[in-house]
Amino acid sequence: MKTTTYLIPDMSCAHCKARIEKEVARLNGVQVADVPVETKVLTVQFDDQVVDSATIIEAVTEAGYTAEPQ
């Protein structure tokens, strides 16, 4: 299991949080996706044999936000 963080600079509310977490959590191999509104830092625990960072960033982009690896 791997843990990675991403800054989501354009996130601003609880709706954003829910949308991002939902999109990332639905990816096969993702165990945890959490992004507090206060920090705007998405923490993802995932199986890196199943999903990679590029796919996680793509899911955030599809949700309508920007993800910057930390």
Protein backbone atom coordinates (compact mmCIF):
# COMPACT_ATOMS: atom_id res chain seq x y z
CA MET A 1 0.00 0.00 0.00
CA LYS A 2 1.30 3.44 -0.93
CA THR A 3 0.22 6.85 0.38
CA THR A 4 0.54 9.98 -1.75
CA THR A 5 -0.65 13.56 -1.30
CA TYR A 6 -1.82 16.12 -3.85
CA LEU A 7 -2.60 19.81 -3.45
CA ILE A 8 -6.04 20.70 -4.85
CA PRO A 9 -5.66 24.51 -5.13
CA ASP A 10 -9.05 25.19 -6.74
CA MET A 11 -11.07 23.31 -4.09
CA SER A 12 -13.20 25.62 -1.93
CA CYS A 13 -16.13 23.85 -0.24
CA ALA A 14 -17.66 20.67 1.14
CA HIS A 15 -19.25 19.94 -2.26
CA CYS A 16 -15.78 20.01 -3.83
CA LYS A 17 -14.49 17.67 -1.12
CA ALA A 18 -17.29 15.17 -1.69
CA ARG A 19 -16.91 15.21 -5.47
CA ILE A 20 -13.14 14.72 -5.41
CA GLU A 21 -13.25 11.97 -2.79
CA LYS A 22 -15.99 10.14 -4.69
CA GLU A 23 -14.15 10.24 -8.02
CA VAL A 24 -10.84 9.08 -6.56
CA ALA A 25 -12.34 6.46 -4.21
CA ARG A 26 -14.13 4.75 -7.13
CA LEU A 27 -10.79 3.86 -8.74
CA ASN A 28 -9.86 0.21 -8.48
CA GLY A 29 -7.01 -0.12 -5.97
CA VAL A 30 -7.77 3.02 -3.96
CA GLN A 31 -8.39 2.27 -0.28
CA VAL A 32 -8.67 5.80 1.16
CA ALA A 33 -9.25 9.22 -0.41
CA ASP A 34 -9.51 12.15 2.02
CA VAL A 35 -9.23 15.87 1.31
CA PRO A 36 -10.00 18.29 4.15
CA VAL A 37 -11.42 21.60 2.95
CA GLU A 38 -9.11 23.48 5.34
CA THR A 39 -5.85 22.11 3.93
CA LYS A 40 -6.85 21.35 0.32
CA VAL A 41 -4.45 18.37 0.47
CA LEU A 42 -5.79 15.11 -0.90
CA THR A 43 -4.33 12.04 0.79
CA VAL A 44 -4.71 8.80 -1.14
CA GLN A 45 -3.83 5.30 0.06
CA PHE A 46 -3.70 2.92 -2.86
CA ASP A 47 -2.25 -0.28 -4.24
CA ASP A 48 0.40 0.91 -6.68
CA GLN A 49 0.24 -2.45 -8.46
CA VAL A 50 -3.34 -1.61 -9.51
CA VAL A 51 -3.50 2.18 -9.92
CA ASP A 52 -0.88 4.89 -10.43
CA SER A 53 -0.53 8.57 -9.63
CA ALA A 54 -1.37 9.64 -13.18
CA THR A 55 -4.72 7.86 -12.96
CA ILE A 56 -5.48 9.54 -9.63
CA ILE A 57 -4.66 12.96 -11.09
CA GLU A 58 -6.86 12.17 -14.10
CA ALA A 59 -9.78 11.31 -11.78
CA VAL A 60 -9.39 14.67 -9.99
CA THR A 61 -9.26 16.44 -13.37
CA GLU A 62 -12.42 14.63 -14.51
CA ALA A 63 -14.11 15.87 -11.33
CA GLY A 64 -13.28 19.41 -12.48
CA TYR A 65 -10.28 20.23 -10.28
CA THR A 66 -6.50 20.46 -10.45
CA ALA A 67 -4.20 18.06 -8.59
CA GLU A 68 -0.56 18.93 -7.91
CA PRO A 69 1.61 16.11 -6.52
CA GLN A 70 3.35 17.05 -3.28
